[in-house]
PDB file of N, CA and C in Angstrom:
ATOM      1  N   UNK A   1     -17.248   4.665   4.802  1.00  0.00           N
ATOM      2  CA  UNK A   1     -15.988   5.319   4.440  1.00  0.00           C
ATOM      3  C   UNK A   1     -15.147   5.473   5.713  1.00  0.00           C
ATOM      4  N   UNK A   2     -13.829   5.458   5.491  1.00  0.00           N
ATOM      5  CA  UNK A   2     -12.895   5.551   6.604  1.00  0.00           C
ATOM      6  C   UNK A   2     -11.718   6.441   6.190  1.00  0.00           C
ATOM      7  N   UNK A   3     -11.274   7.305   7.117  1.00  0.00           N
ATOM      8  CA  UNK A   3     -10.168   8.215   6.810  1.00  0.00           C
ATOM      9  C   UNK A   3      -8.866   7.438   6.710  1.00  0.00           C
ATOM     10  N   UNK A   4      -8.099   7.732   5.648  1.00  0.00           N
ATOM     11  CA  UNK A   4      -6.829   7.040   5.439  1.00  0.00           C
ATOM     12  C   UNK A   4      -5.641   8.001   5.526  1.00  0.00           C
ATOM     13  N   UNK A   5      -5.888   9.316   5.373  1.00  0.00           N
ATOM     14  CA  UNK A   5      -4.789  10.284   5.374  1.00  0.00           C
ATOM     15  C   UNK A   5      -5.353  11.671   5.630  1.00  0.00           C
ATOM     16  N   UNK A   6      -4.594  12.510   6.307  1.00  0.00           N
ATOM     17  CA  UNK A   6      -4.972  13.914   6.475  1.00  0.00           C
ATOM     18  C   UNK A   6      -3.708  14.764   6.510  1.00  0.00           C
ATOM     19  N   UNK A   7      -3.862  16.016   6.096  1.00  0.00           N
ATOM     20  CA  UNK A   7      -2.731  16.942   6.070  1.00  0.00           C
ATOM     21  C   UNK A   7      -3.284  18.349   6.092  1.00  0.00           C
ATOM     22  N   UNK A   8      -2.540  19.257   6.644  1.00  0.00           N
ATOM     23  CA  UNK A   8      -2.965  20.657   6.681  1.00  0.00           C
ATOM     24  C   UNK A   8      -2.926  21.281   5.287  1.00  0.00           C
ATOM     25  N   UNK A   9      -2.102  20.703   4.411  1.00  0.00           N
ATOM     26  CA  UNK A   9      -1.865  21.261   3.080  1.00  0.00           C
ATOM     27  C   UNK A   9      -2.599  20.442   2.016  1.00  0.00           C
ATOM     28  N   UNK A  10      -3.562  21.055   1.361  1.00  0.00           N
ATOM     29  CA  UNK A  10      -4.331  20.397   0.304  1.00  0.00           C
ATOM     30  C   UNK A  10      -3.415  19.871  -0.799  1.00  0.00           C
ATOM     31  N   UNK A  11      -2.341  20.592  -1.074  1.00  0.00           N
ATOM     32  CA  UNK A  11      -1.401  20.189  -2.131  1.00  0.00           C
ATOM     33  C   UNK A  11      -0.701  18.870  -1.799  1.00  0.00           C
ATOM     34  N   UNK A  12      -0.700  18.457  -0.556  1.00  0.00           N
ATOM     35  CA  UNK A  12      -0.102  17.186  -0.171  1.00  0.00           C
ATOM     36  C   UNK A  12      -1.111  16.041  -0.282  1.00  0.00           C
ATOM     37  N   UNK A  13      -2.388  16.373  -0.254  1.00  0.00           N
ATOM     38  CA  UNK A  13      -3.439  15.345  -0.286  1.00  0.00           C
ATOM     39  C   UNK A  13      -3.716  14.875  -1.709  1.00  0.00           C
ATOM     40  N   UNK A  14      -3.702  15.786  -2.674  1.00  0.00           N
ATOM     41  CA  UNK A  14      -4.026  15.414  -4.052  1.00  0.00           C
ATOM     42  C   UNK A  14      -3.092  14.363  -4.655  1.00  0.00           C
ATOM     43  N   UNK A  15      -1.767  14.418  -4.456  1.00  0.00           N
ATOM     44  CA  UNK A  15      -0.916  13.348  -5.007  1.00  0.00           C
ATOM     45  C   UNK A  15      -1.226  11.978  -4.398  1.00  0.00           C
ATOM     46  N   UNK A  16      -1.560  11.946  -3.108  1.00  0.00           N
ATOM     47  CA  UNK A  16      -1.918  10.690  -2.459  1.00  0.00           C
ATOM     48  C   UNK A  16      -3.227  10.173  -3.056  1.00  0.00           C
ATOM     49  N   UNK A  17      -4.183  11.065  -3.251  1.00  0.00           N
ATOM     50  CA  UNK A  17      -5.467  10.689  -3.860  1.00  0.00           C
ATOM     51  C   UNK A  17      -5.236  10.117  -5.257  1.00  0.00           C
ATOM     52  N   UNK A  18      -4.413  10.774  -6.028  1.00  0.00           N
ATOM     53  CA  UNK A  18      -4.131  10.323  -7.394  1.00  0.00           C
ATOM     54  C   UNK A  18      -3.479   8.939  -7.383  1.00  0.00           C
ATOM     55  N   UNK A  19      -2.517   8.734  -6.484  1.00  0.00           N
ATOM     56  CA  UNK A  19      -1.845   7.448  -6.383  1.00  0.00           C
ATOM     57  C   UNK A  19      -2.843   6.343  -6.043  1.00  0.00           C
ATOM     58  N   UNK A  20      -3.747   6.602  -5.109  1.00  0.00           N
ATOM     59  CA  UNK A  20      -4.738   5.599  -4.734  1.00  0.00           C
ATOM     60  C   UNK A  20      -5.690   5.303  -5.893  1.00  0.00           C
ATOM     61  N   UNK A  21      -6.101   6.338  -6.599  1.00  0.00           N
ATOM     62  CA  UNK A  21      -6.999   6.137  -7.741  1.00  0.00           C
ATOM     63  C   UNK A  21      -6.313   5.328  -8.845  1.00  0.00           C
ATOM     64  N   UNK A  22      -5.017   5.525  -9.041  1.00  0.00           N
ATOM     65  CA  UNK A  22      -4.277   4.728 -10.015  1.00  0.00           C
ATOM     66  C   UNK A  22      -4.258   3.246  -9.626  1.00  0.00           C
ATOM     67  N   UNK A  23      -4.387   2.996  -8.330  1.00  0.00           N
ATOM     68  CA  UNK A  23      -4.434   1.626  -7.825  1.00  0.00           C
ATOM     69  C   UNK A  23      -5.878   1.166  -7.603  1.00  0.00           C
ATOM     70  N   UNK A  24      -6.801   1.825  -8.281  1.00  0.00           N
ATOM     71  CA  UNK A  24      -8.224   1.482  -8.286  1.00  0.00           C
ATOM     72  C   UNK A  24      -8.865   1.501  -6.909  1.00  0.00           C
ATOM     73  N   UNK A  25      -8.452   2.480  -6.100  1.00  0.00           N
ATOM     74  CA  UNK A  25      -9.063   2.686  -4.792  1.00  0.00           C
ATOM     75  C   UNK A  25      -9.854   3.989  -4.857  1.00  0.00           C
ATOM     76  N   UNK A  26     -11.138   3.875  -4.616  1.00  0.00           N
ATOM     77  CA  UNK A  26     -12.045   5.024  -4.642  1.00  0.00           C
ATOM     78  C   UNK A  26     -11.684   5.970  -3.497  1.00  0.00           C
ATOM     79  N   UNK A  27     -11.660   7.278  -3.758  1.00  0.00           N
ATOM     80  CA  UNK A  27     -11.274   8.262  -2.740  1.00  0.00           C
ATOM     81  C   UNK A  27     -12.262   9.413  -2.680  1.00  0.00           C
ATOM     82  N   UNK A  28     -12.299  10.021  -1.525  1.00  0.00           N
ATOM     83  CA  UNK A  28     -13.134  11.205  -1.325  1.00  0.00           C
ATOM     84  C   UNK A  28     -12.367  12.186  -0.447  1.00  0.00           C
ATOM     85  N   UNK A  29     -12.275  13.424  -0.884  1.00  0.00           N
ATOM     86  CA  UNK A  29     -11.611  14.461  -0.088  1.00  0.00           C
ATOM     87  C   UNK A  29     -12.669  15.177   0.744  1.00  0.00           C
ATOM     88  N   UNK A  30     -12.362  15.351   2.013  1.00  0.00           N
ATOM     89  CA  UNK A  30     -13.260  16.076   2.924  1.00  0.00           C
ATOM     90  C   UNK A  30     -12.495  17.223   3.566  1.00  0.00           C
ATOM     91  N   UNK A  31     -13.221  18.234   3.978  1.00  0.00           N
ATOM     92  CA  UNK A  31     -12.683  19.434   4.646  1.00  0.00           C
ATOM     93  C   UNK A  31     -11.844  20.295   3.709  1.00  0.00           C
ATOM     94  N   UNK A  32     -12.045  20.152   2.414  1.00  0.00           N
ATOM     95  CA  UNK A  32     -11.233  20.885   1.444  1.00  0.00           C
ATOM     96  C   UNK A  32     -11.320  22.400   1.643  1.00  0.00           C
ATOM     97  N   UNK A  33     -12.479  22.892   2.032  1.00  0.00           N
ATOM     98  CA  UNK A  33     -12.651  24.341   2.190  1.00  0.00           C
ATOM     99  C   UNK A  33     -12.782  24.772   3.640  1.00  0.00           C
ATOM    100  N   UNK A  34     -12.622  23.834   4.545  1.00  0.00           N
ATOM    101  CA  UNK A  34     -12.800  24.140   5.961  1.00  0.00           C
ATOM    102  C   UNK A  34     -11.689  25.023   6.514  1.00  0.00           C
ATOM    103  N   UNK A  35     -10.527  25.023   5.878  1.00  0.00           N
ATOM    104  CA  UNK A  35      -9.418  25.847   6.378  1.00  0.00           C
ATOM    105  C   UNK A  35      -9.783  27.331   6.395  1.00  0.00           C
ATOM    106  N   UNK A  36     -10.776  27.724   5.612  1.00  0.00           N
ATOM    107  CA  UNK A  36     -11.222  29.124   5.582  1.00  0.00           C
ATOM    108  C   UNK A  36     -11.823  29.552   6.914  1.00  0.00           C
ATOM    109  N   UNK A  37     -12.299  28.593   7.714  1.00  0.00           N
ATOM    110  CA  UNK A  37     -12.904  28.923   9.001  1.00  0.00           C
ATOM    111  C   UNK A  37     -11.908  28.845  10.142  1.00  0.00           C
ATOM    112  N   UNK A  38     -10.669  28.494   9.842  1.00  0.00           N
ATOM    113  CA  UNK A  38      -9.657  28.344  10.879  1.00  0.00           C
ATOM    114  C   UNK A  38      -9.702  29.475  11.891  1.00  0.00           C
ATOM    115  N   UNK A  39      -9.467  29.152  13.138  1.00  0.00           N
ATOM    116  CA  UNK A  39      -9.524  30.141  14.205  1.00  0.00           C
ATOM    117  C   UNK A  39     -10.776  29.960  15.042  1.00  0.00           C
ATOM    118  N   UNK A  40     -11.863  29.560  14.414  1.00  0.00           N
ATOM    119  CA  UNK A  40     -13.111  29.345  15.134  1.00  0.00           C
ATOM    120  C   UNK A  40     -13.195  27.949  15.735  1.00  0.00           C
ATOM    121  N   UNK A  41     -12.395  27.033  15.207  1.00  0.00           N
ATOM    122  CA  UNK A  41     -12.361  25.659  15.706  1.00  0.00           C
ATOM    123  C   UNK A  41     -10.900  25.216  15.799  1.00  0.00           C
ATOM    124  N   UNK A  42     -10.606  24.128  16.507  1.00  0.00           N
ATOM    125  CA  UNK A  42      -9.208  23.683  16.625  1.00  0.00           C
ATOM    126  C   UNK A  42      -8.579  23.449  15.247  1.00  0.00           C
ATOM    127  N   UNK A  43      -7.339  23.873  15.050  1.00  0.00           N
ATOM    128  CA  UNK A  43      -6.691  23.779  13.738  1.00  0.00           C
ATOM    129  C   UNK A  43      -6.711  22.390  13.108  1.00  0.00           C
ATOM    130  N   UNK A  44      -6.482  21.339  13.893  1.00  0.00           N
ATOM    131  CA  UNK A  44      -6.432  20.001  13.311  1.00  0.00           C
ATOM    132  C   UNK A  44      -7.793  19.574  12.770  1.00  0.00           C
ATOM    133  N   UNK A  45      -8.850  20.176  13.259  1.00  0.00           N
ATOM    134  CA  UNK A  45     -10.199  19.881  12.757  1.00  0.00           C
ATOM    135  C   UNK A  45     -10.387  20.439  11.346  1.00  0.00           C
ATOM    136  N   UNK A  46      -9.501  21.336  10.924  1.00  0.00           N
ATOM    137  CA  UNK A  46      -9.585  21.952   9.594  1.00  0.00           C
ATOM    138  C   UNK A  46      -8.715  21.243   8.564  1.00  0.00           C
ATOM    139  N   UNK A  47      -7.967  20.246   8.979  1.00  0.00           N
ATOM    140  CA  UNK A  47      -7.087  19.560   8.041  1.00  0.00           C
ATOM    141  C   UNK A  47      -7.895  18.876   6.950  1.00  0.00           C
ATOM    142  N   UNK A  48      -7.325  18.821   5.767  1.00  0.00           N
ATOM    143  CA  UNK A  48      -7.941  18.145   4.634  1.00  0.00           C
ATOM    144  C   UNK A  48      -7.789  16.642   4.859  1.00  0.00           C
ATOM    145  N   UNK A  49      -8.865  15.901   4.626  1.00  0.00           N
ATOM    146  CA  UNK A  49      -8.850  14.462   4.876  1.00  0.00           C
ATOM    147  C   UNK A  49      -9.160  13.690   3.600  1.00  0.00           C
ATOM    148  N   UNK A  50      -8.546  12.526   3.495  1.00  0.00           N
ATOM    149  CA  UNK A  50      -8.785  11.631   2.372  1.00  0.00           C
ATOM    150  C   UNK A  50      -9.440  10.370   2.914  1.00  0.00           C
ATOM    151  N   UNK A  51     -10.619  10.067   2.398  1.00  0.00           N
ATOM    152  CA  UNK A  51     -11.414   8.934   2.866  1.00  0.00           C
ATOM    153  C   UNK A  51     -11.549   7.907   1.755  1.00  0.00           C
ATOM    154  N   UNK A  52     -11.584   6.639   2.158  1.00  0.00           N
ATOM    155  CA  UNK A  52     -11.737   5.519   1.220  1.00  0.00           C
ATOM    156  C   UNK A  52     -12.820   4.586   1.763  1.00  0.00           C
ATOM    157  N   UNK A  53     -13.377   3.735   0.897  1.00  0.00           N
ATOM    158  CA  UNK A  53     -14.339   2.751   1.401  1.00  0.00           C
ATOM    159  C   UNK A  53     -13.685   1.866   2.460  1.00  0.00           C
ATOM    160  N   UNK A  54     -14.454   1.508   3.464  1.00  0.00           N
ATOM    161  CA  UNK A  54     -13.917   0.738   4.582  1.00  0.00           C
ATOM    162  C   UNK A  54     -13.244  -0.555   4.133  1.00  0.00           C
ATOM    163  N   UNK A  55     -13.817  -1.226   3.135  1.00  0.00           N
ATOM    164  CA  UNK A  55     -13.244  -2.494   2.681  1.00  0.00           C
ATOM    165  C   UNK A  55     -11.909  -2.311   1.948  1.00  0.00           C
ATOM    166  N   UNK A  56     -11.579  -1.084   1.531  1.00  0.00           N
ATOM    167  CA  UNK A  56     -10.304  -0.821   0.862  1.00  0.00           C
ATOM    168  C   UNK A  56      -9.315  -0.100   1.768  1.00  0.00           C
ATOM    169  N   UNK A  57      -9.702   0.155   3.009  1.00  0.00           N
ATOM    170  CA  UNK A  57      -8.878   0.959   3.913  1.00  0.00           C
ATOM    171  C   UNK A  57      -7.499   0.355   4.149  1.00  0.00           C
ATOM    172  N   UNK A  58      -7.434  -0.941   4.453  1.00  0.00           N
ATOM    173  CA  UNK A  58      -6.129  -1.560   4.757  1.00  0.00           C
ATOM    174  C   UNK A  58      -5.177  -1.472   3.571  1.00  0.00           C
ATOM    175  N   UNK A  59      -5.679  -1.750   2.390  1.00  0.00           N
ATOM    176  CA  UNK A  59      -4.856  -1.674   1.180  1.00  0.00           C
ATOM    177  C   UNK A  59      -4.422  -0.224   0.934  1.00  0.00           C
ATOM    178  N   UNK A  60      -5.355   0.719   1.085  1.00  0.00           N
ATOM    179  CA  UNK A  60      -5.044   2.138   0.878  1.00  0.00           C
ATOM    180  C   UNK A  60      -4.015   2.619   1.888  1.00  0.00           C
ATOM    181  N   UNK A  61      -4.174   2.211   3.143  1.00  0.00           N
ATOM    182  CA  UNK A  61      -3.241   2.620   4.200  1.00  0.00           C
ATOM    183  C   UNK A  61      -1.830   2.128   3.892  1.00  0.00           C
ATOM    184  N   UNK A  62      -1.731   0.917   3.360  1.00  0.00           N
ATOM    185  CA  UNK A  62      -0.423   0.373   2.997  1.00  0.00           C
ATOM    186  C   UNK A  62       0.222   1.217   1.895  1.00  0.00           C
ATOM    187  N   UNK A  63      -0.550   1.588   0.867  1.00  0.00           N
ATOM    188  CA  UNK A  63      -0.029   2.446  -0.208  1.00  0.00           C
ATOM    189  C   UNK A  63       0.426   3.794   0.345  1.00  0.00           C
ATOM    190  N   UNK A  64      -0.390   4.383   1.218  1.00  0.00           N
ATOM    191  CA  UNK A  64      -0.059   5.697   1.789  1.00  0.00           C
ATOM    192  C   UNK A  64       1.217   5.602   2.622  1.00  0.00           C
ATOM    193  N   UNK A  65       1.302   4.589   3.479  1.00  0.00           N
ATOM    194  CA  UNK A  65       2.494   4.437   4.327  1.00  0.00           C
ATOM    195  C   UNK A  65       3.758   4.258   3.494  1.00  0.00           C
ATOM    196  N   UNK A  66       3.675   3.468   2.426  1.00  0.00           N
ATOM    197  CA  UNK A  66       4.836   3.261   1.551  1.00  0.00           C
ATOM    198  C   UNK A  66       5.234   4.557   0.843  1.00  0.00           C
ATOM    199  N   UNK A  67       4.242   5.302   0.364  1.00  0.00           N
ATOM    200  CA  UNK A  67       4.527   6.569  -0.327  1.00  0.00           C
ATOM    201  C   UNK A  67       5.173   7.575   0.617  1.00  0.00           C
ATOM    202  N   UNK A  68       4.677   7.660   1.837  1.00  0.00           N
ATOM    203  CA  UNK A  68       5.237   8.607   2.804  1.00  0.00           C
ATOM    204  C   UNK A  68       6.635   8.185   3.246  1.00  0.00           C
ATOM    205  N   UNK A  69       6.883   6.894   3.347  1.00  0.00           N
ATOM    206  CA  UNK A  69       8.216   6.412   3.716  1.00  0.00           C
ATOM    207  C   UNK A  69       9.227   6.766   2.634  1.00  0.00           C
ATOM    208  N   UNK A  70       8.842   6.619   1.374  1.00  0.00           N
ATOM    209  CA  UNK A  70       9.732   6.989   0.268  1.00  0.00           C
ATOM    210  C   UNK A  70      10.023   8.481   0.301  1.00  0.00           C
ATOM    211  N   UNK A  71       8.996   9.268   0.615  1.00  0.00           N
ATOM    212  CA  UNK A  71       9.159  10.726   0.670  1.00  0.00           C
ATOM    213  C   UNK A  71      10.127  11.114   1.782  1.00  0.00           C
ATOM    214  N   UNK A  72      10.032  10.437   2.922  1.00  0.00           N
ATOM    215  CA  UNK A  72      10.900  10.743   4.059  1.00  0.00           C
ATOM    216  C   UNK A  72      12.364  10.477   3.765  1.00  0.00           C
ATOM    217  N   UNK A  73      12.656   9.345   3.146  1.00  0.00           N
ATOM    218  CA  UNK A  73      14.065   9.016   2.927  1.00  0.00           C
ATOM    219  C   UNK A  73      14.557   9.426   1.547  1.00  0.00           C
ATOM    220  N   UNK A  74      13.691  10.043   0.746  1.00  0.00           N
ATOM    221  CA  UNK A  74      14.099  10.574  -0.544  1.00  0.00           C
ATOM    222  C   UNK A  74      14.234   9.542  -1.641  1.00  0.00           C
ATOM    223  N   UNK A  75      13.848   8.325  -1.384  1.00  0.00           N
ATOM    224  CA  UNK A  75      13.952   7.298  -2.411  1.00  0.00           C
ATOM    225  C   UNK A  75      15.309   6.625  -2.383  1.00  0.00           C
ATOM    226  N   UNK A  76      15.515   5.738  -3.335  1.00  0.00           N
ATOM    227  CA  UNK A  76      16.763   4.977  -3.388  1.00  0.00           C
ATOM    228  C   UNK A  76      17.911   5.827  -3.917  1.00  0.00           C
ATOM    229  N   UNK A  77      19.106   5.545  -3.420  1.00  0.00           N
ATOM    230  CA  UNK A  77      20.281   6.258  -3.914  1.00  0.00           C
ATOM    231  C   UNK A  77      20.557   5.812  -5.348  1.00  0.00           C
ATOM    232  N   UNK A  78      21.365   6.598  -6.051  1.00  0.00           N
ATOM    233  CA  UNK A  78      21.670   6.309  -7.452  1.00  0.00           C
ATOM    234  C   UNK A  78      23.127   6.639  -7.730  1.00  0.00           C
ATOM    235  N   UNK A  79      23.662   6.059  -8.804  1.00  0.00           N
ATOM    236  CA  UNK A  79      25.069   6.252  -9.164  1.00  0.00           C
ATOM    237  C   UNK A  79      25.143   7.100 -10.425  1.00  0.00           C
ATOM    238  N   UNK A  80      25.972   8.129 -10.379  1.00  0.00           N
ATOM    239  CA  UNK A  80      26.142   9.041 -11.508  1.00  0.00           C
ATOM    240  C   UNK A  80      26.766   8.301 -12.694  1.00  0.00           C
ATOM    241  N   UNK A  81      26.158   8.482 -13.866  1.00  0.00           N
ATOM    242  CA  UNK A  81      26.649   7.829 -15.086  1.00  0.00           C
ATOM    243  C   UNK A  81      27.984   8.400 -15.549  1.00  0.00           C
ATOM    244  N   UNK A  82      28.271   9.655 -15.166  1.00  0.00           N
ATOM    245  CA  UNK A  82      29.498  10.308 -15.633  1.00  0.00           C
ATOM    246  C   UNK A  82      30.700  10.012 -14.731  1.00  0.00           C
ATOM    247  N   UNK A  83      30.528  10.244 -13.405  1.00  0.00           N
ATOM    248  CA  UNK A  83      31.691  10.108 -12.518  1.00  0.00           C
ATOM    249  C   UNK A  83      31.623   8.902 -11.586  1.00  0.00           C
ATOM    250  N   UNK A  84      30.488   8.211 -11.552  1.00  0.00           N
ATOM    251  CA  UNK A  84      30.367   7.023 -10.720  1.00  0.00           C
ATOM    252  C   UNK A  84      30.101   7.286  -9.247  1.00  0.00           C
ATOM    253  N   UNK A  85      29.898   8.534  -8.891  1.00  0.00           N
ATOM    254  CA  UNK A  85      29.646   8.889  -7.490  1.00  0.00           C
ATOM    255  C   UNK A  85      28.205   8.520  -7.101  1.00  0.00           C
ATOM    256  N   UNK A  86      28.023   8.033  -5.886  1.00  0.00           N
ATOM    257  CA  UNK A  86      26.693   7.695  -5.393  1.00  0.00           C
ATOM    258  C   UNK A  86      26.057   8.924  -4.754  1.00  0.00           C
ATOM    259  N   UNK A  87      24.787   9.177  -5.090  1.00  0.00           N
ATOM    260  CA  UNK A  87      24.038  10.304  -4.525  1.00  0.00           C
ATOM    261  C   UNK A  87      22.772   9.776  -3.869  1.00  0.00           C
ATOM    262  N   UNK A  88      22.283  10.488  -2.880  1.00  0.00           N
ATOM    263  CA  UNK A  88      21.047  10.102  -2.214  1.00  0.00           C
ATOM    264  C   UNK A  88      19.867  10.312  -3.153  1.00  0.00           C
ATOM    265  N   UNK A  89      18.800   9.566  -2.919  1.00  0.00           N
ATOM    266  CA  UNK A  89      17.642   9.543  -3.802  1.00  0.00           C
ATOM    267  C   UNK A  89      16.940  10.865  -4.028  1.00  0.00           C
ATOM    268  N   UNK A  90      17.001  11.782  -3.069  1.00  0.00           N
ATOM    269  CA  UNK A  90      16.287  13.049  -3.225  1.00  0.00           C
ATOM    270  C   UNK A  90      16.966  14.011  -4.199  1.00  0.00           C
ATOM    271  N   UNK A  91      18.225  13.709  -4.569  1.00  0.00           N
ATOM    272  CA  UNK A  91      18.951  14.604  -5.469  1.00  0.00           C
ATOM    273  C   UNK A  91      18.715  14.233  -6.931  1.00  0.00           C
ATOM    274  N   UNK A  92      18.520  15.243  -7.766  1.00  0.00           N
ATOM    275  CA  UNK A  92      18.302  15.009  -9.198  1.00  0.00           C
ATOM    276  C   UNK A  92      19.568  15.249  -9.998  1.00  0.00           C
ATOM    277  N   UNK A  93      20.603  15.783  -9.342  1.00  0.00           N
ATOM    278  CA  UNK A  93      21.892  16.003  -9.987  1.00  0.00           C
ATOM    279  C   UNK A  93      22.992  15.484  -9.074  1.00  0.00           C
ATOM    280  N   UNK A  94      24.053  15.020  -9.690  1.00  0.00           N
ATOM    281  CA  UNK A  94      25.203  14.505  -8.942  1.00  0.00           C
ATOM    282  C   UNK A  94      25.798  15.635  -8.110  1.00  0.00           C
ATOM    283  N   UNK A  95      26.036  15.345  -6.830  1.00  0.00           N
ATOM    284  CA  UNK A  95      26.588  16.377  -5.953  1.00  0.00           C
ATOM    285  C   UNK A  95      28.049  16.663  -6.284  1.00  0.00           C
ATOM    286  N   UNK A  96      28.732  15.713  -6.929  1.00  0.00           N
ATOM    287  CA  UNK A  96      30.160  15.863  -7.216  1.00  0.00           C
ATOM    288  C   UNK A  96      30.427  16.585  -8.534  1.00  0.00           C
ATOM    289  N   UNK A  97      29.732  16.146  -9.630  1.00  0.00           N
ATOM    290  CA  UNK A  97      30.050  16.732 -10.945  1.00  0.00           C
ATOM    291  C   UNK A  97      28.883  17.517 -11.571  1.00  0.00           C
ATOM    292  N   UNK A  98      27.695  17.444 -10.969  1.00  0.00           N
ATOM    293  CA  UNK A  98      26.564  18.222 -11.462  1.00  0.00           C
ATOM    294  C   UNK A  98      25.785  17.577 -12.593  1.00  0.00           C
ATOM    295  N   UNK A  99      26.141  16.361 -13.003  1.00  0.00           N
ATOM    296  CA  UNK A  99      25.428  15.683 -14.080  1.00  0.00           C
ATOM    297  C   UNK A  99      24.026  15.317 -13.615  1.00  0.00           C
ATOM    298  N   UNK A 100      23.048  15.524 -14.487  1.00  0.00           N
ATOM    299  CA  UNK A 100      21.652  15.194 -14.159  1.00  0.00           C
ATOM    300  C   UNK A 100      21.460  13.701 -14.039  1.00  0.00           C
ATOM    301  N   UNK A 101      20.574  13.328 -13.126  1.00  0.00           N
ATOM    302  CA  UNK A 101      20.220  11.927 -12.935  1.00  0.00           C
ATOM    303  C   UNK A 101      19.507  11.408 -14.179  1.00  0.00           C
ATOM    304  N   UNK A 102      19.842  10.226 -14.592  1.00  0.00           N
ATOM    305  CA  UNK A 102      19.237   9.652 -15.806  1.00  0.00           C
ATOM    306  C   UNK A 102      18.115   8.720 -15.411  1.00  0.00           C
TER     307      UNK A 102
END
């Protein structure tokens, strides 16, 4: 097994795990409860880690990198069906007229 992702927040690890499992990549979460000991060891040692089989690591890493890149830039921009204004991908409603993204 090889680590493919880690985060201080368990809530950030589960969506990545789910995405990998949907792509038929076996996953294992480690350090899920280690944050309870924080203070006795270096904080980064308590981060939750997601591990995959070594032979699937490269494919899993590619999925993780793509997912994180989309999260950073908010996804693709979209055009409002009502007013035609372009909004950035992270917005679910038009910034100009308030119409929900379809």
